[in-house]
Amino acid sequence: MILEIQSLYGNQRYRNFFIGIIVLVLGSLIIVFDYPQIEFFEKMNTESYHLMNGEKKDLHKRLVFEFSIGIVILALGILLLIMSMLRRFEKEIR
């Protein structure tokens, strides 16, 4: 079983596919865990938001930045999956 996994991982065709899946999952986890926290800050009324101390406002800004990075990572994972599938189909056609 372990030899099969190592041989699949060592194969160039499958390497980008597995990396794409890992990056896709990582981006999805970042988005899933950050979105509810961002929504909490976004749904606060303006008076409550202005009364918060600087640390919490900085936390909100960092969450928005992290969420943006999560979207980029998710898009990168999708791109890697699509590229690996296109290469695979291209090699099978030849």
PDB file of N, CA and C in Angstrom:
ATOM      1  N   MET A   1       0.826  -1.197   0.000  1.00  0.00           N
ATOM      2  CA  MET A   1       0.000   0.000   0.000  1.00  0.00           C
ATOM      3  C   MET A   1       0.866   1.255   0.000  1.00  0.00           C
ATOM      4  N   ILE A   2       1.876   1.294   0.859  1.00  0.00           N
ATOM      5  CA  ILE A   2       2.738   2.466   0.938  1.00  0.00           C
ATOM      6  C   ILE A   2       3.537   2.622  -0.351  1.00  0.00           C
ATOM      7  N   LEU A   3       3.973   1.503  -0.923  1.00  0.00           N
ATOM      8  CA  LEU A   3       4.723   1.575  -2.175  1.00  0.00           C
ATOM      9  C   LEU A   3       3.862   2.127  -3.304  1.00  0.00           C
ATOM     10  N   GLU A   4       2.584   1.778  -3.306  1.00  0.00           N
ATOM     11  CA  GLU A   4       1.682   2.282  -4.328  1.00  0.00           C
ATOM     12  C   GLU A   4       1.527   3.794  -4.200  1.00  0.00           C
ATOM     13  N   ILE A   5       1.379   4.280  -2.990  1.00  0.00           N
ATOM     14  CA  ILE A   5       1.234   5.717  -2.771  1.00  0.00           C
ATOM     15  C   ILE A   5       2.512   6.441  -3.160  1.00  0.00           C
ATOM     16  N   GLN A   6       3.666   5.892  -2.808  1.00  0.00           N
ATOM     17  CA  GLN A   6       4.929   6.525  -3.163  1.00  0.00           C
ATOM     18  C   GLN A   6       5.132   6.530  -4.669  1.00  0.00           C
ATOM     19  N   SER A   7       4.747   5.453  -5.328  1.00  0.00           N
ATOM     20  CA  SER A   7       4.921   5.431  -6.783  1.00  0.00           C
ATOM     21  C   SER A   7       3.970   6.416  -7.455  1.00  0.00           C
ATOM     22  N   LEU A   8       2.763   6.582  -6.912  1.00  0.00           N
ATOM     23  CA  LEU A   8       1.840   7.572  -7.466  1.00  0.00           C
ATOM     24  C   LEU A   8       2.352   8.981  -7.211  1.00  0.00           C
ATOM     25  N   TYR A   9       2.896   9.202  -6.028  1.00  0.00           N
ATOM     26  CA  TYR A   9       3.384  10.539  -5.705  1.00  0.00           C
ATOM     27  C   TYR A   9       4.629  10.870  -6.512  1.00  0.00           C
ATOM     28  N   GLY A  10       5.444   9.889  -6.762  1.00  0.00           N
ATOM     29  CA  GLY A  10       6.661  10.114  -7.516  1.00  0.00           C
ATOM     30  C   GLY A  10       6.401  10.330  -9.001  1.00  0.00           C
ATOM     31  N   ASN A  11       5.269   9.904  -9.484  1.00  0.00           N
ATOM     32  CA  ASN A  11       4.933  10.058 -10.883  1.00  0.00           C
ATOM     33  C   ASN A  11       4.626  11.525 -11.171  1.00  0.00           C
ATOM     34  N   GLN A  12       5.216  12.054 -12.223  1.00  0.00           N
ATOM     35  CA  GLN A  12       5.078  13.469 -12.556  1.00  0.00           C
ATOM     36  C   GLN A  12       3.640  13.843 -12.875  1.00  0.00           C
ATOM     37  N   ARG A  13       2.896  12.959 -13.495  1.00  0.00           N
ATOM     38  CA  ARG A  13       1.524  13.284 -13.879  1.00  0.00           C
ATOM     39  C   ARG A  13       0.633  13.509 -12.669  1.00  0.00           C
ATOM     40  N   TYR A  14       0.838  12.728 -11.635  1.00  0.00           N
ATOM     41  CA  TYR A  14      -0.046  12.806 -10.474  1.00  0.00           C
ATOM     42  C   TYR A  14       0.425  13.817  -9.426  1.00  0.00           C
ATOM     43  N   ARG A  15       1.664  14.240  -9.514  1.00  0.00           N
ATOM     44  CA  ARG A  15       2.200  15.143  -8.498  1.00  0.00           C
ATOM     45  C   ARG A  15       1.442  16.462  -8.479  1.00  0.00           C
ATOM     46  N   ASN A  16       1.245  17.078  -9.637  1.00  0.00           N
ATOM     47  CA  ASN A  16       0.513  18.343  -9.683  1.00  0.00           C
ATOM     48  C   ASN A  16      -0.935  18.162  -9.236  1.00  0.00           C
ATOM     49  N   PHE A  17      -1.513  17.009  -9.537  1.00  0.00           N
ATOM     50  CA  PHE A  17      -2.891  16.742  -9.119  1.00  0.00           C
ATOM     51  C   PHE A  17      -2.996  16.699  -7.602  1.00  0.00           C
ATOM     52  N   PHE A  18      -2.086  15.973  -6.951  1.00  0.00           N
ATOM     53  CA  PHE A  18      -2.128  15.879  -5.492  1.00  0.00           C
ATOM     54  C   PHE A  18      -1.809  17.216  -4.834  1.00  0.00           C
ATOM     55  N   ILE A  19      -0.862  17.946  -5.383  1.00  0.00           N
ATOM     56  CA  ILE A  19      -0.548  19.270  -4.841  1.00  0.00           C
ATOM     57  C   ILE A  19      -1.748  20.191  -5.013  1.00  0.00           C
ATOM     58  N   GLY A  20      -2.428  20.094  -6.151  1.00  0.00           N
ATOM     59  CA  GLY A  20      -3.625  20.897  -6.385  1.00  0.00           C
ATOM     60  C   GLY A  20      -4.721  20.601  -5.385  1.00  0.00           C
ATOM     61  N   ILE A  21      -4.903  19.324  -5.060  1.00  0.00           N
ATOM     62  CA  ILE A  21      -5.924  18.958  -4.072  1.00  0.00           C
ATOM     63  C   ILE A  21      -5.553  19.504  -2.700  1.00  0.00           C
ATOM     64  N   ILE A  22      -4.296  19.390  -2.320  1.00  0.00           N
ATOM     65  CA  ILE A  22      -3.860  19.886  -1.009  1.00  0.00           C
ATOM     66  C   ILE A  22      -4.038  21.398  -0.916  1.00  0.00           C
ATOM     67  N   VAL A  23      -3.643  22.114  -1.966  1.00  0.00           N
ATOM     68  CA  VAL A  23      -3.788  23.575  -1.967  1.00  0.00           C
ATOM     69  C   VAL A  23      -5.255  23.963  -1.968  1.00  0.00           C
ATOM     70  N   LEU A  24      -6.084  23.228  -2.699  1.00  0.00           N
ATOM     71  CA  LEU A  24      -7.519  23.484  -2.732  1.00  0.00           C
ATOM     72  C   LEU A  24      -8.139  23.311  -1.352  1.00  0.00           C
ATOM     73  N   VAL A  25      -7.773  22.257  -0.664  1.00  0.00           N
ATOM     74  CA  VAL A  25      -8.296  22.015   0.688  1.00  0.00           C
ATOM     75  C   VAL A  25      -7.820  23.102   1.654  1.00  0.00           C
ATOM     76  N   LEU A  26      -6.564  23.492   1.548  1.00  0.00           N
ATOM     77  CA  LEU A  26      -6.033  24.537   2.413  1.00  0.00           C
ATOM     78  C   LEU A  26      -6.772  25.854   2.210  1.00  0.00           C
ATOM     79  N   GLY A  27      -6.967  26.242   0.958  1.00  0.00           N
ATOM     80  CA  GLY A  27      -7.710  27.469   0.675  1.00  0.00           C
ATOM     81  C   GLY A  27      -9.145  27.401   1.165  1.00  0.00           C
ATOM     82  N   SER A  28      -9.769  26.242   1.006  1.00  0.00           N
ATOM     83  CA  SER A  28     -11.145  26.073   1.476  1.00  0.00           C
ATOM     84  C   SER A  28     -11.232  26.197   2.990  1.00  0.00           C
ATOM     85  N   LEU A  29     -10.280  25.610   3.701  1.00  0.00           N
ATOM     86  CA  LEU A  29     -10.294  25.698   5.162  1.00  0.00           C
ATOM     87  C   LEU A  29     -10.113  27.137   5.640  1.00  0.00           C
ATOM     88  N   ILE A  30      -9.228  27.866   4.992  1.00  0.00           N
ATOM     89  CA  ILE A  30      -9.033  29.264   5.372  1.00  0.00           C
ATOM     90  C   ILE A  30     -10.328  30.042   5.182  1.00  0.00           C
ATOM     91  N   ILE A  31     -10.985  29.836   4.059  1.00  0.00           N
ATOM     92  CA  ILE A  31     -12.228  30.562   3.779  1.00  0.00           C
ATOM     93  C   ILE A  31     -13.322  30.161   4.759  1.00  0.00           C
ATOM     94  N   VAL A  32     -13.463  28.873   5.008  1.00  0.00           N
ATOM     95  CA  VAL A  32     -14.538  28.387   5.882  1.00  0.00           C
ATOM     96  C   VAL A  32     -14.375  28.892   7.310  1.00  0.00           C
ATOM     97  N   PHE A  33     -13.144  28.951   7.809  1.00  0.00           N
ATOM     98  CA  PHE A  33     -12.958  29.366   9.193  1.00  0.00           C
ATOM     99  C   PHE A  33     -12.904  30.882   9.370  1.00  0.00           C
ATOM    100  N   ASP A  34     -12.557  31.628   8.337  1.00  0.00           N
ATOM    101  CA  ASP A  34     -12.476  33.077   8.476  1.00  0.00           C
ATOM    102  C   ASP A  34     -13.788  33.781   8.180  1.00  0.00           C
ATOM    103  N   TYR A  35     -14.594  33.230   7.298  1.00  0.00           N
ATOM    104  CA  TYR A  35     -15.811  33.908   6.883  1.00  0.00           C
ATOM    105  C   TYR A  35     -16.765  34.213   8.042  1.00  0.00           C
ATOM    106  N   PRO A  36     -17.055  33.273   8.932  1.00  0.00           N
ATOM    107  CA  PRO A  36     -17.976  33.605  10.042  1.00  0.00           C
ATOM    108  C   PRO A  36     -17.433  34.704  10.956  1.00  0.00           C
ATOM    109  N   GLN A  37     -16.128  34.740  11.155  1.00  0.00           N
ATOM    110  CA  GLN A  37     -15.546  35.777  12.001  1.00  0.00           C
ATOM    111  C   GLN A  37     -15.656  37.144  11.333  1.00  0.00           C
ATOM    112  N   ILE A  38     -15.451  37.181  10.033  1.00  0.00           N
ATOM    113  CA  ILE A  38     -15.592  38.444   9.301  1.00  0.00           C
ATOM    114  C   ILE A  38     -17.042  38.901   9.341  1.00  0.00           C
ATOM    115  N   GLU A  39     -17.963  37.975   9.168  1.00  0.00           N
ATOM    116  CA  GLU A  39     -19.384  38.320   9.216  1.00  0.00           C
ATOM    117  C   GLU A  39     -19.783  38.884  10.579  1.00  0.00           C
ATOM    118  N   PHE A  40     -19.194  38.383  11.641  1.00  0.00           N
ATOM    119  CA  PHE A  40     -19.477  38.900  12.980  1.00  0.00           C
ATOM    120  C   PHE A  40     -19.120  40.389  13.053  1.00  0.00           C
ATOM    121  N   PHE A  41     -17.945  40.738  12.541  1.00  0.00           N
ATOM    122  CA  PHE A  41     -17.537  42.143  12.563  1.00  0.00           C
ATOM    123  C   PHE A  41     -18.362  42.988  11.601  1.00  0.00           C
ATOM    124  N   GLU A  42     -18.728  42.429  10.464  1.00  0.00           N
ATOM    125  CA  GLU A  42     -19.485  43.187   9.474  1.00  0.00           C
ATOM    126  C   GLU A  42     -20.908  43.475   9.939  1.00  0.00           C
ATOM    127  N   LYS A  43     -21.490  42.595  10.729  1.00  0.00           N
ATOM    128  CA  LYS A  43     -22.876  42.765  11.170  1.00  0.00           C
ATOM    129  C   LYS A  43     -23.002  43.646  12.411  1.00  0.00           C
ATOM    130  N   MET A  44     -21.887  44.053  12.954  1.00  0.00           N
ATOM    131  CA  MET A  44     -21.950  44.959  14.106  1.00  0.00           C
ATOM    132  C   MET A  44     -22.437  46.325  13.625  1.00  0.00           C
ATOM    133  N   ASN A  45     -23.204  46.988  14.483  1.00  0.00           N
ATOM    134  CA  ASN A  45     -23.611  48.336  14.097  1.00  0.00           C
ATOM    135  C   ASN A  45     -22.413  49.271  14.204  1.00  0.00           C
ATOM    136  N   THR A  46     -22.488  50.390  13.555  1.00  0.00           N
ATOM    137  CA  THR A  46     -21.324  51.275  13.440  1.00  0.00           C
ATOM    138  C   THR A  46     -20.873  51.819  14.791  1.00  0.00           C
ATOM    139  N   GLU A  47     -21.807  52.036  15.699  1.00  0.00           N
ATOM    140  CA  GLU A  47     -21.418  52.554  17.019  1.00  0.00           C
ATOM    141  C   GLU A  47     -20.572  51.538  17.777  1.00  0.00           C
ATOM    142  N   SER A  48     -20.989  50.297  17.745  1.00  0.00           N
ATOM    143  CA  SER A  48     -20.228  49.250  18.438  1.00  0.00           C
ATOM    144  C   SER A  48     -18.855  49.067  17.807  1.00  0.00           C
ATOM    145  N   TYR A  49     -18.803  49.159  16.482  1.00  0.00           N
ATOM    146  CA  TYR A  49     -17.528  48.984  15.796  1.00  0.00           C
ATOM    147  C   TYR A  49     -16.567  50.119  16.142  1.00  0.00           C
ATOM    148  N   HIS A  50     -17.068  51.334  16.237  1.00  0.00           N
ATOM    149  CA  HIS A  50     -16.198  52.468  16.565  1.00  0.00           C
ATOM    150  C   HIS A  50     -15.765  52.454  18.024  1.00  0.00           C
ATOM    151  N   LEU A  51     -16.544  51.809  18.887  1.00  0.00           N
ATOM    152  CA  LEU A  51     -16.182  51.733  20.294  1.00  0.00           C
ATOM    153  C   LEU A  51     -15.153  50.641  20.589  1.00  0.00           C
ATOM    154  N   MET A  52     -14.908  49.761  19.633  1.00  0.00           N
ATOM    155  CA  MET A  52     -13.935  48.691  19.847  1.00  0.00           C
ATOM    156  C   MET A  52     -12.535  49.280  19.954  1.00  0.00           C
ATOM    157  N   ASN A  53     -11.695  48.572  20.685  1.00  0.00           N
ATOM    158  CA  ASN A  53     -10.313  49.048  20.794  1.00  0.00           C
ATOM    159  C   ASN A  53      -9.543  48.740  19.510  1.00  0.00           C
ATOM    160  N   GLY A  54      -8.351  49.261  19.402  1.00  0.00           N
ATOM    161  CA  GLY A  54      -7.549  49.130  18.188  1.00  0.00           C
ATOM    162  C   GLY A  54      -7.178  47.709  17.840  1.00  0.00           C
ATOM    163  N   GLU A  55      -6.993  46.861  18.869  1.00  0.00           N
ATOM    164  CA  GLU A  55      -6.599  45.468  18.610  1.00  0.00           C
ATOM    165  C   GLU A  55      -7.691  44.717  17.858  1.00  0.00           C
ATOM    166  N   LYS A  56      -8.934  44.948  18.234  1.00  0.00           N
ATOM    167  CA  LYS A  56     -10.025  44.245  17.569  1.00  0.00           C
ATOM    168  C   LYS A  56     -10.230  44.758  16.150  1.00  0.00           C
ATOM    169  N   LYS A  57     -10.006  46.050  15.945  1.00  0.00           N
ATOM    170  CA  LYS A  57     -10.099  46.577  14.581  1.00  0.00           C
ATOM    171  C   LYS A  57      -8.975  46.013  13.715  1.00  0.00           C
ATOM    172  N   ASP A  58      -7.785  45.891  14.296  1.00  0.00           N
ATOM    173  CA  ASP A  58      -6.681  45.281  13.561  1.00  0.00           C
ATOM    174  C   ASP A  58      -6.963  43.820  13.264  1.00  0.00           C
ATOM    175  N   LEU A  59      -7.610  43.135  14.197  1.00  0.00           N
ATOM    176  CA  LEU A  59      -7.983  41.739  13.980  1.00  0.00           C
ATOM    177  C   LEU A  59      -8.927  41.627  12.790  1.00  0.00           C
ATOM    178  N   HIS A  60      -9.884  42.527  12.710  1.00  0.00           N
ATOM    179  CA  HIS A  60     -10.825  42.517  11.582  1.00  0.00           C
ATOM    180  C   HIS A  60     -10.081  42.730  10.262  1.00  0.00           C
ATOM    181  N   LYS A  61      -9.141  43.653  10.234  1.00  0.00           N
ATOM    182  CA  LYS A  61      -8.373  43.906   9.013  1.00  0.00           C
ATOM    183  C   LYS A  61      -7.522  42.699   8.636  1.00  0.00           C
ATOM    184  N   ARG A  62      -6.937  42.053   9.633  1.00  0.00           N
ATOM    185  CA  ARG A  62      -6.124  40.855   9.346  1.00  0.00           C
ATOM    186  C   ARG A  62      -6.986  39.714   8.837  1.00  0.00           C
ATOM    187  N   LEU A  63      -8.205  39.579   9.390  1.00  0.00           N
ATOM    188  CA  LEU A  63      -9.100  38.520   8.916  1.00  0.00           C
ATOM    189  C   LEU A  63      -9.499  38.750   7.467  1.00  0.00           C
ATOM    190  N   VAL A  64      -9.759  39.989   7.114  1.00  0.00           N
ATOM    191  CA  VAL A  64     -10.110  40.288   5.721  1.00  0.00           C
ATOM    192  C   VAL A  64      -8.928  39.985   4.803  1.00  0.00           C
ATOM    193  N   PHE A  65      -7.722  40.342   5.224  1.00  0.00           N
ATOM    194  CA  PHE A  65      -6.526  40.043   4.430  1.00  0.00           C
ATOM    195  C   PHE A  65      -6.324  38.536   4.312  1.00  0.00           C
ATOM    196  N   GLU A  66      -6.469  37.817   5.409  1.00  0.00           N
ATOM    197  CA  GLU A  66      -6.309  36.362   5.397  1.00  0.00           C
ATOM    198  C   GLU A  66      -7.362  35.706   4.517  1.00  0.00           C
ATOM    199  N   PHE A  67      -8.578  36.226   4.547  1.00  0.00           N
ATOM    200  CA  PHE A  67      -9.650  35.708   3.702  1.00  0.00           C
ATOM    201  C   PHE A  67      -9.300  35.903   2.227  1.00  0.00           C
ATOM    202  N   SER A  68      -8.734  37.063   1.895  1.00  0.00           N
ATOM    203  CA  SER A  68      -8.320  37.332   0.514  1.00  0.00           C
ATOM    204  C   SER A  68      -7.229  36.370   0.074  1.00  0.00           C
ATOM    205  N   ILE A  69      -6.283  36.102   0.952  1.00  0.00           N
ATOM    206  CA  ILE A  69      -5.228  35.139   0.653  1.00  0.00           C
ATOM    207  C   ILE A  69      -5.829  33.741   0.479  1.00  0.00           C
ATOM    208  N   GLY A  70      -6.831  33.396   1.279  1.00  0.00           N
ATOM    209  CA  GLY A  70      -7.503  32.105   1.139  1.00  0.00           C
ATOM    210  C   GLY A  70      -8.161  31.951  -0.217  1.00  0.00           C
ATOM    211  N   ILE A  71      -8.750  33.039  -0.722  1.00  0.00           N
ATOM    212  CA  ILE A  71      -9.369  32.994  -2.047  1.00  0.00           C
ATOM    213  C   ILE A  71      -8.303  32.778  -3.120  1.00  0.00           C
ATOM    214  N   VAL A  72      -7.161  33.445  -2.973  1.00  0.00           N
ATOM    215  CA  VAL A  72      -6.071  33.275  -3.935  1.00  0.00           C
ATOM    216  C   VAL A  72      -5.545  31.839  -3.895  1.00  0.00           C
ATOM    217  N   ILE A  73      -5.384  31.283  -2.705  1.00  0.00           N
ATOM    218  CA  ILE A  73      -4.909  29.900  -2.570  1.00  0.00           C
ATOM    219  C   ILE A  73      -5.917  28.931  -3.170  1.00  0.00           C
ATOM    220  N   LEU A  74      -7.200  29.178  -2.950  1.00  0.00           N
ATOM    221  CA  LEU A  74      -8.243  28.331  -3.528  1.00  0.00           C
ATOM    222  C   LEU A  74      -8.186  28.387  -5.055  1.00  0.00           C
ATOM    223  N   ALA A  75      -8.037  29.579  -5.612  1.00  0.00           N
ATOM    224  CA  ALA A  75      -7.945  29.718  -7.073  1.00  0.00           C
ATOM    225  C   ALA A  75      -6.695  29.025  -7.613  1.00  0.00           C
ATOM    226  N   LEU A  76      -5.603  29.111  -6.884  1.00  0.00           N
ATOM    227  CA  LEU A  76      -4.368  28.434  -7.297  1.00  0.00           C
ATOM    228  C   LEU A  76      -4.553  26.919  -7.302  1.00  0.00           C
ATOM    229  N   GLY A  77      -5.241  26.395  -6.290  1.00  0.00           N
ATOM    230  CA  GLY A  77      -5.513  24.956  -6.250  1.00  0.00           C
ATOM    231  C   GLY A  77      -6.382  24.509  -7.401  1.00  0.00           C
ATOM    232  N   ILE A  78      -7.399  25.291  -7.724  1.00  0.00           N
ATOM    233  CA  ILE A  78      -8.263  24.962  -8.861  1.00  0.00           C
ATOM    234  C   ILE A  78      -7.460  24.998 -10.158  1.00  0.00           C
ATOM    235  N   LEU A  79      -6.594  26.002 -10.285  1.00  0.00           N
ATOM    236  CA  LEU A  79      -5.764  26.118 -11.484  1.00  0.00           C
ATOM    237  C   LEU A  79      -4.826  24.924 -11.624  1.00  0.00           C
ATOM    238  N   LEU A  80      -4.208  24.502 -10.522  1.00  0.00           N
ATOM    239  CA  LEU A  80      -3.322  23.330 -10.577  1.00  0.00           C
ATOM    240  C   LEU A  80      -4.083  22.073 -10.964  1.00  0.00           C
ATOM    241  N   LEU A  81      -5.291  21.895 -10.432  1.00  0.00           N
ATOM    242  CA  LEU A  81      -6.095  20.723 -10.794  1.00  0.00           C
ATOM    243  C   LEU A  81      -6.456  20.737 -12.270  1.00  0.00           C
ATOM    244  N   ILE A  82      -6.863  21.890 -12.767  1.00  0.00           N
ATOM    245  CA  ILE A  82      -7.241  21.982 -14.179  1.00  0.00           C
ATOM    246  C   ILE A  82      -6.033  21.723 -15.073  1.00  0.00           C
ATOM    247  N   MET A  83      -4.885  22.301 -14.708  1.00  0.00           N
ATOM    248  CA  MET A  83      -3.682  22.082 -15.515  1.00  0.00           C
ATOM    249  C   MET A  83      -3.268  20.615 -15.527  1.00  0.00           C
ATOM    250  N   SER A  84      -3.340  19.952 -14.370  1.00  0.00           N
ATOM    251  CA  SER A  84      -2.944  18.543 -14.335  1.00  0.00           C
ATOM    252  C   SER A  84      -3.912  17.676 -15.126  1.00  0.00           C
ATOM    253  N   MET A  85      -5.196  18.007 -15.095  1.00  0.00           N
ATOM    254  CA  MET A  85      -6.168  17.233 -15.871  1.00  0.00           C
ATOM    255  C   MET A  85      -5.976  17.452 -17.368  1.00  0.00           C
ATOM    256  N   LEU A  86      -5.699  18.698 -17.755  1.00  0.00           N
ATOM    257  CA  LEU A  86      -5.474  18.960 -19.182  1.00  0.00           C
ATOM    258  C   LEU A  86      -4.231  18.253 -19.688  1.00  0.00           C
ATOM    259  N   ARG A  87      -3.174  18.238 -18.900  1.00  0.00           N
ATOM    260  CA  ARG A  87      -1.959  17.522 -19.303  1.00  0.00           C
ATOM    261  C   ARG A  87      -2.222  16.024 -19.411  1.00  0.00           C
ATOM    262  N   ARG A  88      -3.001  15.516 -18.485  1.00  0.00           N
ATOM    263  CA  ARG A  88      -3.305  14.086 -18.508  1.00  0.00           C
ATOM    264  C   ARG A  88      -4.097  13.725 -19.754  1.00  0.00           C
ATOM    265  N   PHE A  89      -5.113  14.536 -20.072  1.00  0.00           N
ATOM    266  CA  PHE A  89      -5.908  14.252 -21.268  1.00  0.00           C
ATOM    267  C   PHE A  89      -5.086  14.441 -22.540  1.00  0.00           C
ATOM    268  N   GLU A  90      -4.177  15.402 -22.515  1.00  0.00           N
ATOM    269  CA  GLU A  90      -3.314  15.628 -23.675  1.00  0.00           C
ATOM    270  C   GLU A  90      -2.413  14.436 -23.923  1.00  0.00           C
ATOM    271  N   LYS A  91      -1.845  13.867 -22.868  1.00  0.00           N
ATOM    272  CA  LYS A  91      -0.968  12.710 -23.016  1.00  0.00           C
ATOM    273  C   LYS A  91      -1.742  11.462 -23.431  1.00  0.00           C
ATOM    274  N   GLU A  92      -2.993  11.338 -22.993  1.00  0.00           N
ATOM    275  CA  GLU A  92      -3.790  10.175 -23.378  1.00  0.00           C
ATOM    276  C   GLU A  92      -4.217  10.247 -24.838  1.00  0.00           C
ATOM    277  N   ILE A  93      -4.392  11.459 -25.345  1.00  0.00           N
ATOM    278  CA  ILE A  93      -4.805  11.610 -26.746  1.00  0.00           C
ATOM    279  C   ILE A  93      -3.666  11.201 -27.668  1.00  0.00           C
ATOM    280  N   ARG A  94      -2.433  11.522 -27.293  1.00  0.00           N
ATOM    281  CA  ARG A  94      -1.278  11.194 -28.128  1.00  0.00           C
ATOM    282  C   ARG A  94      -1.044   9.749 -28.096  1.00  0.00           C
TER     283      ARG A  94
END
